[in-house]
C-alpha atoms as a PDB file:
ATOM      1  CA  UNK A   1     172.391  75.437 153.032  1.00  0.00           C
ATOM      2  CA  UNK A   2     174.530  78.495 152.287  1.00  0.00           C
ATOM      3  CA  UNK A   3     178.262  77.999 152.902  1.00  0.00           C
ATOM      4  CA  UNK A   4     180.241  81.125 153.757  1.00  0.00           C
ATOM      5  CA  UNK A   5     183.178  82.269 151.650  1.00  0.00           C
ATOM      6  CA  UNK A   6     185.512  81.768 154.628  1.00  0.00           C
ATOM      7  CA  UNK A   7     184.515  78.112 155.053  1.00  0.00           C
ATOM      8  CA  UNK A   8     184.944  77.483 151.324  1.00  0.00           C
ATOM      9  CA  UNK A   9     188.377  79.111 151.354  1.00  0.00           C
ATOM     10  CA  UNK A  10     189.488  76.979 154.342  1.00  0.00           C
ATOM     11  CA  UNK A  11     188.123  73.871 152.652  1.00  0.00           C
ATOM     12  CA  UNK A  12     190.019  74.638 149.439  1.00  0.00           C
ATOM     13  CA  UNK A  13     193.241  75.249 151.367  1.00  0.00           C
ATOM     14  CA  UNK A  14     192.858  71.862 153.080  1.00  0.00           C
ATOM     15  CA  UNK A  15     192.193  70.167 149.739  1.00  0.00           C
ATOM     16  CA  UNK A  16     195.355  71.762 148.342  1.00  0.00           C
ATOM     17  CA  UNK A  17     197.359  70.657 151.383  1.00  0.00           C
ATOM     18  CA  UNK A  18     196.166  67.042 151.129  1.00  0.00           C
ATOM     19  CA  UNK A  19     196.866  67.012 147.376  1.00  0.00           C
ATOM     20  CA  UNK A  20     200.464  68.014 148.115  1.00  0.00           C
ATOM     21  CA  UNK A  21     200.785  65.290 150.760  1.00  0.00           C
ATOM     22  CA  UNK A  22     199.382  62.714 148.338  1.00  0.00           C
ATOM     23  CA  UNK A  23     201.669  64.093 145.589  1.00  0.00           C
ATOM     24  CA  UNK A  24     198.732  64.722 143.264  1.00  0.00           C
ATOM     25  CA  UNK A  25     198.851  67.086 140.308  1.00  0.00           C
ATOM     26  CA  UNK A  26     197.740  70.706 140.660  1.00  0.00           C
ATOM     27  CA  UNK A  27     194.768  69.907 138.428  1.00  0.00           C
ATOM     28  CA  UNK A  28     193.113  68.061 141.314  1.00  0.00           C
ATOM     29  CA  UNK A  29     193.228  71.160 143.511  1.00  0.00           C
ATOM     30  CA  UNK A  30     192.147  73.343 140.594  1.00  0.00           C
ATOM     31  CA  UNK A  31     188.912  71.349 140.311  1.00  0.00           C
ATOM     32  CA  UNK A  32     187.702  73.345 143.291  1.00  0.00           C
ATOM     33  CA  UNK A  33     187.617  76.542 141.284  1.00  0.00           C
ATOM     34  CA  UNK A  34     184.556  75.391 139.374  1.00  0.00           C
ATOM     35  CA  UNK A  35     183.118  73.060 142.028  1.00  0.00           C
ATOM     36  CA  UNK A  36     179.949  73.659 143.995  1.00  0.00           C
ATOM     37  CA  UNK A  37     180.113  73.708 147.800  1.00  0.00           C
ATOM     38  CA  UNK A  38     178.650  70.175 147.857  1.00  0.00           C
ATOM     39  CA  UNK A  39     181.270  68.936 145.390  1.00  0.00           C
ATOM     40  CA  UNK A  40     184.028  70.560 147.441  1.00  0.00           C
ATOM     41  CA  UNK A  41     182.751  68.804 150.550  1.00  0.00           C
ATOM     42  CA  UNK A  42     182.685  65.429 148.762  1.00  0.00           C
ATOM     43  CA  UNK A  43     186.175  65.922 147.295  1.00  0.00           C
ATOM     44  CA  UNK A  44     187.627  66.880 150.676  1.00  0.00           C
ATOM     45  CA  UNK A  45     186.082  63.847 152.380  1.00  0.00           C
ATOM     46  CA  UNK A  46     187.370  61.510 149.635  1.00  0.00           C
ATOM     47  CA  UNK A  47     190.886  62.944 149.866  1.00  0.00           C
ATOM     48  CA  UNK A  48     190.901  62.718 153.682  1.00  0.00           C
ATOM     49  CA  UNK A  49     189.933  59.038 153.533  1.00  0.00           C
ATOM     50  CA  UNK A  50     192.668  58.337 150.972  1.00  0.00           C
ATOM     51  CA  UNK A  51     195.234  60.093 153.166  1.00  0.00           C
ATOM     52  CA  UNK A  52     194.132  58.082 156.219  1.00  0.00           C
ATOM     53  CA  UNK A  53     194.325  54.851 154.206  1.00  0.00           C
ATOM     54  CA  UNK A  54     197.849  55.619 153.009  1.00  0.00           C
ATOM     55  CA  UNK A  55     199.000  56.540 156.508  1.00  0.00           C
ATOM     56  CA  UNK A  56     197.594  53.288 157.905  1.00  0.00           C
ATOM     57  CA  UNK A  57     199.245  51.284 155.105  1.00  0.00           C
ATOM     58  CA  UNK A  58     202.562  53.046 155.715  1.00  0.00           C
ATOM     59  CA  UNK A  59     202.467  52.327 159.447  1.00  0.00           C
ATOM     60  CA  UNK A  60     201.641  48.688 158.767  1.00  0.00           C
ATOM     61  CA  UNK A  61     204.629  48.443 156.402  1.00  0.00           C
ATOM     62  CA  UNK A  62     206.898  50.061 159.003  1.00  0.00           C
ATOM     63  CA  UNK A  63     205.725  47.582 161.662  1.00  0.00           C
ATOM     64  CA  UNK A  64     206.285  44.624 159.346  1.00  0.00           C
ATOM     65  CA  UNK A  65     209.765  45.818 158.365  1.00  0.00           C
ATOM     66  CA  UNK A  66     210.755  46.386 162.006  1.00  0.00           C
ATOM     67  CA  UNK A  67     210.615  42.606 162.631  1.00  0.00           C
ATOM     68  CA  UNK A  68     209.500  42.767 166.247  1.00  0.00           C
ATOM     69  CA  UNK A  69     209.437  39.258 167.774  1.00  0.00           C
ATOM     70  CA  UNK A  70     206.151  40.097 169.529  1.00  0.00           C
ATOM     71  CA  UNK A  71     203.927  43.165 169.775  1.00  0.00           C
ATOM     72  CA  UNK A  72     204.043  45.086 173.052  1.00  0.00           C
ATOM     73  CA  UNK A  73     202.271  48.233 174.218  1.00  0.00           C
ATOM     74  CA  UNK A  74     203.101  51.087 176.579  1.00  0.00           C
ATOM     75  CA  UNK A  75     199.537  50.942 177.878  1.00  0.00           C
ATOM     76  CA  UNK A  76     199.590  49.704 181.452  1.00  0.00           C
ATOM     77  CA  UNK A  77     203.377  49.309 181.490  1.00  0.00           C
ATOM     78  CA  UNK A  78     204.721  49.298 185.064  1.00  0.00           C
ATOM     79  CA  UNK A  79     207.478  51.888 185.475  1.00  0.00           C
ATOM     80  CA  UNK A  80     207.849  51.480 189.243  1.00  0.00           C
ATOM     81  CA  UNK A  81     211.067  49.441 188.958  1.00  0.00           C
ATOM     82  CA  UNK A  82     212.783  51.891 186.558  1.00  0.00           C
ATOM     83  CA  UNK A  83     215.077  54.690 187.660  1.00  0.00           C
ATOM     84  CA  UNK A  84     215.014  57.561 185.154  1.00  0.00           C
ATOM     85  CA  UNK A  85     217.937  59.952 184.661  1.00  0.00           C
ATOM     86  CA  UNK A  86     217.225  63.615 185.528  1.00  0.00           C
ATOM     87  CA  UNK A  87     217.387  64.641 181.858  1.00  0.00           C
ATOM     88  CA  UNK A  88     214.595  62.280 180.731  1.00  0.00           C
ATOM     89  CA  UNK A  89     211.003  62.010 181.940  1.00  0.00           C
ATOM     90  CA  UNK A  90     208.512  59.230 181.318  1.00  0.00           C
ATOM     91  CA  UNK A  91     206.400  61.589 179.190  1.00  0.00           C
ATOM     92  CA  UNK A  92     209.393  62.542 177.011  1.00  0.00           C
ATOM     93  CA  UNK A  93     210.261  58.867 176.640  1.00  0.00           C
ATOM     94  CA  UNK A  94     206.763  57.911 175.482  1.00  0.00           C
ATOM     95  CA  UNK A  95     206.599  60.860 173.062  1.00  0.00           C
ATOM     96  CA  UNK A  96     209.785  59.618 171.426  1.00  0.00           C
ATOM     97  CA  UNK A  97     211.657  62.856 172.144  1.00  0.00           C
ATOM     98  CA  UNK A  98     214.943  60.937 172.364  1.00  0.00           C
ATOM     99  CA  UNK A  99     214.484  59.723 168.756  1.00  0.00           C
ATOM    100  CA  UNK A 100     213.913  63.254 167.470  1.00  0.00           C
ATOM    101  CA  UNK A 101     217.095  64.310 169.276  1.00  0.00           C
ATOM    102  CA  UNK A 102     219.051  61.250 167.967  1.00  0.00           C
ATOM    103  CA  UNK A 103     219.744  60.222 171.546  1.00  0.00           C
ATOM    104  CA  UNK A 104     220.418  56.658 172.707  1.00  0.00           C
ATOM    105  CA  UNK A 105     218.825  54.602 175.478  1.00  0.00           C
ATOM    106  CA  UNK A 106     220.716  51.955 177.421  1.00  0.00           C
ATOM    107  CA  UNK A 107     218.282  49.785 179.399  1.00  0.00           C
ATOM    108  CA  UNK A 108     220.334  48.063 182.106  1.00  0.00           C
ATOM    109  CA  UNK A 109     219.131  45.601 184.714  1.00  0.00           C
ATOM    110  CA  UNK A 110     218.548  41.947 185.641  1.00  0.00           C
ATOM    111  CA  UNK A 111     216.911  39.472 183.289  1.00  0.00           C
ATOM    112  CA  UNK A 112     213.109  39.596 183.205  1.00  0.00           C
ATOM    113  CA  UNK A 113     212.607  43.144 184.507  1.00  0.00           C
ATOM    114  CA  UNK A 114     210.832  44.501 181.413  1.00  0.00           C
ATOM    115  CA  UNK A 115     213.695  45.889 179.304  1.00  0.00           C
ATOM    116  CA  UNK A 116     212.729  44.098 176.083  1.00  0.00           C
ATOM    117  CA  UNK A 117     209.027  44.869 176.600  1.00  0.00           C
ATOM    118  CA  UNK A 118     209.764  48.585 176.912  1.00  0.00           C
ATOM    119  CA  UNK A 119     212.137  48.646 173.931  1.00  0.00           C
ATOM    120  CA  UNK A 120     209.569  46.936 171.674  1.00  0.00           C
ATOM    121  CA  UNK A 121     206.735  49.174 172.880  1.00  0.00           C
ATOM    122  CA  UNK A 122     208.843  52.286 172.190  1.00  0.00           C
ATOM    123  CA  UNK A 123     209.735  50.890 168.766  1.00  0.00           C
ATOM    124  CA  UNK A 124     206.074  50.341 167.928  1.00  0.00           C
ATOM    125  CA  UNK A 125     205.263  53.867 169.106  1.00  0.00           C
ATOM    126  CA  UNK A 126     207.991  55.139 166.743  1.00  0.00           C
ATOM    127  CA  UNK A 127     206.438  53.194 163.837  1.00  0.00           C
ATOM    128  CA  UNK A 128     203.094  54.803 164.640  1.00  0.00           C
ATOM    129  CA  UNK A 129     204.865  58.166 164.374  1.00  0.00           C
ATOM    130  CA  UNK A 130     205.956  57.215 160.845  1.00  0.00           C
ATOM    131  CA  UNK A 131     209.589  56.474 161.762  1.00  0.00           C
ATOM    132  CA  UNK A 132     211.770  53.662 160.403  1.00  0.00           C
ATOM    133  CA  UNK A 133     212.669  51.087 163.041  1.00  0.00           C
ATOM    134  CA  UNK A 134     214.474  47.737 163.119  1.00  0.00           C
ATOM    135  CA  UNK A 135     214.705  45.207 165.953  1.00  0.00           C
ATOM    136  CA  UNK A 136     217.554  42.705 166.338  1.00  0.00           C
ATOM    137  CA  UNK A 137     219.023  40.646 169.098  1.00  0.00           C
ATOM    138  CA  UNK A 138     222.752  41.346 169.074  1.00  0.00           C
ATOM    139  CA  UNK A 139     223.456  37.726 168.147  1.00  0.00           C
ATOM    140  CA  UNK A 140     221.093  37.971 165.145  1.00  0.00           C
ATOM    141  CA  UNK A 141     222.689  41.177 163.921  1.00  0.00           C
ATOM    142  CA  UNK A 142     226.271  39.916 164.298  1.00  0.00           C
ATOM    143  CA  UNK A 143     225.410  36.723 162.376  1.00  0.00           C
ATOM    144  CA  UNK A 144     223.690  38.742 159.654  1.00  0.00           C
ATOM    145  CA  UNK A 145     226.641  41.152 159.371  1.00  0.00           C
ATOM    146  CA  UNK A 146     229.085  38.242 159.065  1.00  0.00           C
ATOM    147  CA  UNK A 147     226.866  36.489 156.504  1.00  0.00           C
ATOM    148  CA  UNK A 148     226.512  39.565 154.300  1.00  0.00           C
ATOM    149  CA  UNK A 149     230.242  40.188 154.519  1.00  0.00           C
ATOM    150  CA  UNK A 150     230.873  36.701 153.133  1.00  0.00           C
ATOM    151  CA  UNK A 151     228.374  36.993 150.281  1.00  0.00           C
ATOM    152  CA  UNK A 152     229.373  40.540 149.344  1.00  0.00           C
ATOM    153  CA  UNK A 153     226.202  42.362 150.422  1.00  0.00           C
ATOM    154  CA  UNK A 154     227.521  43.957 153.632  1.00  0.00           C
ATOM    155  CA  UNK A 155     227.413  47.505 152.255  1.00  0.00           C
ATOM    156  CA  UNK A 156     223.767  47.050 151.270  1.00  0.00           C
ATOM    157  CA  UNK A 157     222.916  46.051 154.862  1.00  0.00           C
ATOM    158  CA  UNK A 158     224.971  48.931 156.282  1.00  0.00           C
ATOM    159  CA  UNK A 159     223.099  51.360 154.001  1.00  0.00           C
ATOM    160  CA  UNK A 160     219.773  49.908 155.170  1.00  0.00           C
ATOM    161  CA  UNK A 161     220.779  50.369 158.812  1.00  0.00           C
ATOM    162  CA  UNK A 162     221.940  53.939 158.138  1.00  0.00           C
ATOM    163  CA  UNK A 163     218.460  54.769 156.803  1.00  0.00           C
ATOM    164  CA  UNK A 164     216.755  53.913 160.085  1.00  0.00           C
ATOM    165  CA  UNK A 165     215.496  56.392 162.662  1.00  0.00           C
ATOM    166  CA  UNK A 166     215.738  53.855 165.495  1.00  0.00           C
ATOM    167  CA  UNK A 167     217.737  50.636 165.829  1.00  0.00           C
ATOM    168  CA  UNK A 168     216.898  48.348 168.764  1.00  0.00           C
ATOM    169  CA  UNK A 169     219.624  45.921 169.885  1.00  0.00           C
ATOM    170  CA  UNK A 170     218.290  43.420 172.395  1.00  0.00           C
ATOM    171  CA  UNK A 171     220.283  41.117 174.700  1.00  0.00           C
ATOM    172  CA  UNK A 172     223.488  43.148 174.401  1.00  0.00           C
ATOM    173  CA  UNK A 173     226.319  41.102 175.922  1.00  0.00           C
ATOM    174  CA  UNK A 174     224.273  37.987 176.634  1.00  0.00           C
ATOM    175  CA  UNK A 175     226.573  35.990 174.317  1.00  0.00           C
ATOM    176  CA  UNK A 176     230.305  36.709 173.753  1.00  0.00           C
ATOM    177  CA  UNK A 177     231.164  38.114 170.306  1.00  0.00           C
ATOM    178  CA  UNK A 178     234.318  37.139 168.380  1.00  0.00           C
ATOM    179  CA  UNK A 179     236.794  39.689 167.006  1.00  0.00           C
ATOM    180  CA  UNK A 180     235.233  39.897 163.531  1.00  0.00           C
ATOM    181  CA  UNK A 181     231.736  40.254 164.993  1.00  0.00           C
ATOM    182  CA  UNK A 182     232.944  42.940 167.397  1.00  0.00           C
ATOM    183  CA  UNK A 183     234.485  44.940 164.566  1.00  0.00           C
ATOM    184  CA  UNK A 184     231.314  44.732 162.487  1.00  0.00           C
ATOM    185  CA  UNK A 185     229.150  45.689 165.455  1.00  0.00           C
ATOM    186  CA  UNK A 186     231.448  48.604 166.234  1.00  0.00           C
ATOM    187  CA  UNK A 187     230.958  49.883 162.687  1.00  0.00           C
ATOM    188  CA  UNK A 188     227.172  49.874 163.195  1.00  0.00           C
ATOM    189  CA  UNK A 189     227.545  51.786 166.472  1.00  0.00           C
ATOM    190  CA  UNK A 190     229.984  54.267 164.913  1.00  0.00           C
ATOM    191  CA  UNK A 191     227.725  54.833 161.879  1.00  0.00           C
ATOM    192  CA  UNK A 192     224.766  55.463 164.200  1.00  0.00           C
ATOM    193  CA  UNK A 193     226.593  58.120 166.222  1.00  0.00           C
ATOM    194  CA  UNK A 194     224.651  61.404 166.002  1.00  0.00           C
ATOM    195  CA  UNK A 195     222.706  60.114 162.969  1.00  0.00           C
ATOM    196  CA  UNK A 196     219.960  58.034 164.636  1.00  0.00           C
ATOM    197  CA  UNK A 197     218.863  56.607 167.973  1.00  0.00           C
ATOM    198  CA  UNK A 198     219.788  53.261 169.451  1.00  0.00           C
ATOM    199  CA  UNK A 199     218.058  51.308 172.196  1.00  0.00           C
ATOM    200  CA  UNK A 200     220.206  48.684 173.907  1.00  0.00           C
ATOM    201  CA  UNK A 201     218.974  46.200 176.502  1.00  0.00           C
ATOM    202  CA  UNK A 202     221.638  44.576 178.646  1.00  0.00           C
ATOM    203  CA  UNK A 203     222.287  42.945 181.994  1.00  0.00           C
ATOM    204  CA  UNK A 204     226.049  43.492 181.724  1.00  0.00           C
ATOM    205  CA  UNK A 205     227.665  46.513 183.378  1.00  0.00           C
ATOM    206  CA  UNK A 206     229.946  48.735 181.294  1.00  0.00           C
ATOM    207  CA  UNK A 207     233.118  47.559 183.073  1.00  0.00           C
ATOM    208  CA  UNK A 208     232.600  44.017 181.730  1.00  0.00           C
ATOM    209  CA  UNK A 209     232.005  44.887 178.068  1.00  0.00           C
ATOM    210  CA  UNK A 210     235.687  44.409 177.208  1.00  0.00           C
ATOM    211  CA  UNK A 211     235.463  40.715 178.067  1.00  0.00           C
ATOM    212  CA  UNK A 212     232.392  40.278 175.861  1.00  0.00           C
ATOM    213  CA  UNK A 213     233.786  42.042 172.795  1.00  0.00           C
ATOM    214  CA  UNK A 214     237.366  40.653 173.090  1.00  0.00           C
ATOM    215  CA  UNK A 215     238.892  44.135 172.950  1.00  0.00           C
ATOM    216  CA  UNK A 216     238.950  46.636 175.823  1.00  0.00           C
ATOM    217  CA  UNK A 217     239.697  49.618 173.578  1.00  0.00           C
ATOM    218  CA  UNK A 218     236.874  48.785 171.173  1.00  0.00           C
ATOM    219  CA  UNK A 219     234.456  48.311 174.073  1.00  0.00           C
ATOM    220  CA  UNK A 220     235.528  51.671 175.506  1.00  0.00           C
ATOM    221  CA  UNK A 221     234.981  53.332 172.107  1.00  0.00           C
ATOM    222  CA  UNK A 222     231.482  51.805 171.887  1.00  0.00           C
ATOM    223  CA  UNK A 223     230.593  53.022 175.376  1.00  0.00           C
ATOM    224  CA  UNK A 224     231.908  56.500 174.580  1.00  0.00           C
ATOM    225  CA  UNK A 225     229.665  56.822 171.510  1.00  0.00           C
ATOM    226  CA  UNK A 226     226.624  55.364 173.248  1.00  0.00           C
ATOM    227  CA  UNK A 227     226.681  57.518 176.352  1.00  0.00           C
ATOM    228  CA  UNK A 228     227.880  60.811 174.814  1.00  0.00           C
ATOM    229  CA  UNK A 229     224.321  61.400 173.568  1.00  0.00           C
ATOM    230  CA  UNK A 230     222.478  58.876 175.696  1.00  0.00           C
ATOM    231  CA  UNK A 231     220.325  58.084 178.706  1.00  0.00           C
ATOM    232  CA  UNK A 232     220.771  55.170 181.109  1.00  0.00           C
ATOM    233  CA  UNK A 233     217.560  53.575 182.393  1.00  0.00           C
ATOM    234  CA  UNK A 234     218.154  51.388 185.450  1.00  0.00           C
ATOM    235  CA  UNK A 235     215.779  48.441 185.850  1.00  0.00           C
ATOM    236  CA  UNK A 236     215.564  47.036 189.353  1.00  0.00           C
ATOM    237  CA  UNK A 237     213.658  44.320 191.176  1.00  0.00           C
ATOM    238  CA  UNK A 238     212.985  40.647 190.571  1.00  0.00           C
ATOM    239  CA  UNK A 239     212.209  38.986 187.266  1.00  0.00           C
ATOM    240  CA  UNK A 240     208.632  39.602 186.120  1.00  0.00           C
ATOM    241  CA  UNK A 241     208.510  36.139 184.526  1.00  0.00           C
ATOM    242  CA  UNK A 242     209.869  34.435 187.635  1.00  0.00           C
ATOM    243  CA  UNK A 243     207.491  36.315 189.930  1.00  0.00           C
ATOM    244  CA  UNK A 244     204.449  35.358 187.850  1.00  0.00           C
ATOM    245  CA  UNK A 245     205.643  31.770 187.485  1.00  0.00           C
ATOM    246  CA  UNK A 246     205.821  31.547 191.289  1.00  0.00           C
ATOM    247  CA  UNK A 247     202.361  33.114 191.557  1.00  0.00           C
ATOM    248  CA  UNK A 248     200.947  30.442 189.246  1.00  0.00           C
ATOM    249  CA  UNK A 249     202.757  27.712 191.178  1.00  0.00           C
ATOM    250  CA  UNK A 250     201.360  28.993 194.479  1.00  0.00           C
ATOM    251  CA  UNK A 251     197.861  29.233 192.980  1.00  0.00           C
ATOM    252  CA  UNK A 252     198.030  25.598 191.815  1.00  0.00           C
ATOM    253  CA  UNK A 253     199.261  24.534 195.254  1.00  0.00           C
ATOM    254  CA  UNK A 254     196.347  26.288 196.913  1.00  0.00           C
ATOM    255  CA  UNK A 255     193.883  24.642 194.531  1.00  0.00           C
ATOM    256  CA  UNK A 256     195.356  21.226 195.286  1.00  0.00           C
ATOM    257  CA  UNK A 257     195.149  21.705 199.076  1.00  0.00           C
ATOM    258  CA  UNK A 258     191.915  20.184 200.533  1.00  0.00           C
ATOM    259  CA  UNK A 259     189.578  22.604 202.272  1.00  0.00           C
ATOM    260  CA  UNK A 260     189.519  22.469 206.071  1.00  0.00           C
ATOM    261  CA  UNK A 261     187.301  19.633 207.259  1.00  0.00           C
ATOM    262  CA  UNK A 262     187.247  17.990 203.825  1.00  0.00           C
ATOM    263  CA  UNK A 263     188.281  14.473 202.872  1.00  0.00           C
ATOM    264  CA  UNK A 264     191.985  13.671 202.793  1.00  0.00           C
END
């Protein structure tokens, strides 16, 4: 089979591009100059498979480093109970546009309405895009910050957090934070300002944050940084877990009820 000069040129350009992505020496790309069309085809296929393998390995590493408590997907996620702000659409959310723009998300609503599910699913989508993500409950992060401060490794942790593209802070305000913890958490929020995206899940309205973080001014400063470049997603409705627990309870009750005309 005769391969046209145009096809061979395109193939060689793709080989060169993949070699650059794989950080291979120029000699690999130069092999094409003396290669037959069949050899070029084989080399391109081998390089494509290596690139795919490295991308898959990288995404797996990103997922493992993110430390998600469970894996969640956007597929089939029910958005009917979420009120979106005018500046953010569902499609933009799922494409991770807010991460590219270093914009924050505050997911506010009652317990069990899907806030954590959505935050994890968006974090996993970001990992699939090749972005660096980390998931913490606020309590976990505050304890870790305090621990590293005591053992002298706080700056190492702060540097690690600064290198992220997306930091997810779950259960914001569920447990009160002492003064030291509030100060450390404020530093994380301040360092993240305009440098990466944050996702916060909370069932506590902004006006009550001062009571949680022991300092009204610090709480106000946190809110200011979060909402200056941020979107508020309002979650409404009853708890998903409670609703499905009641459904199971009702199903068991129906199964235990004798059929009409049966023995009692």
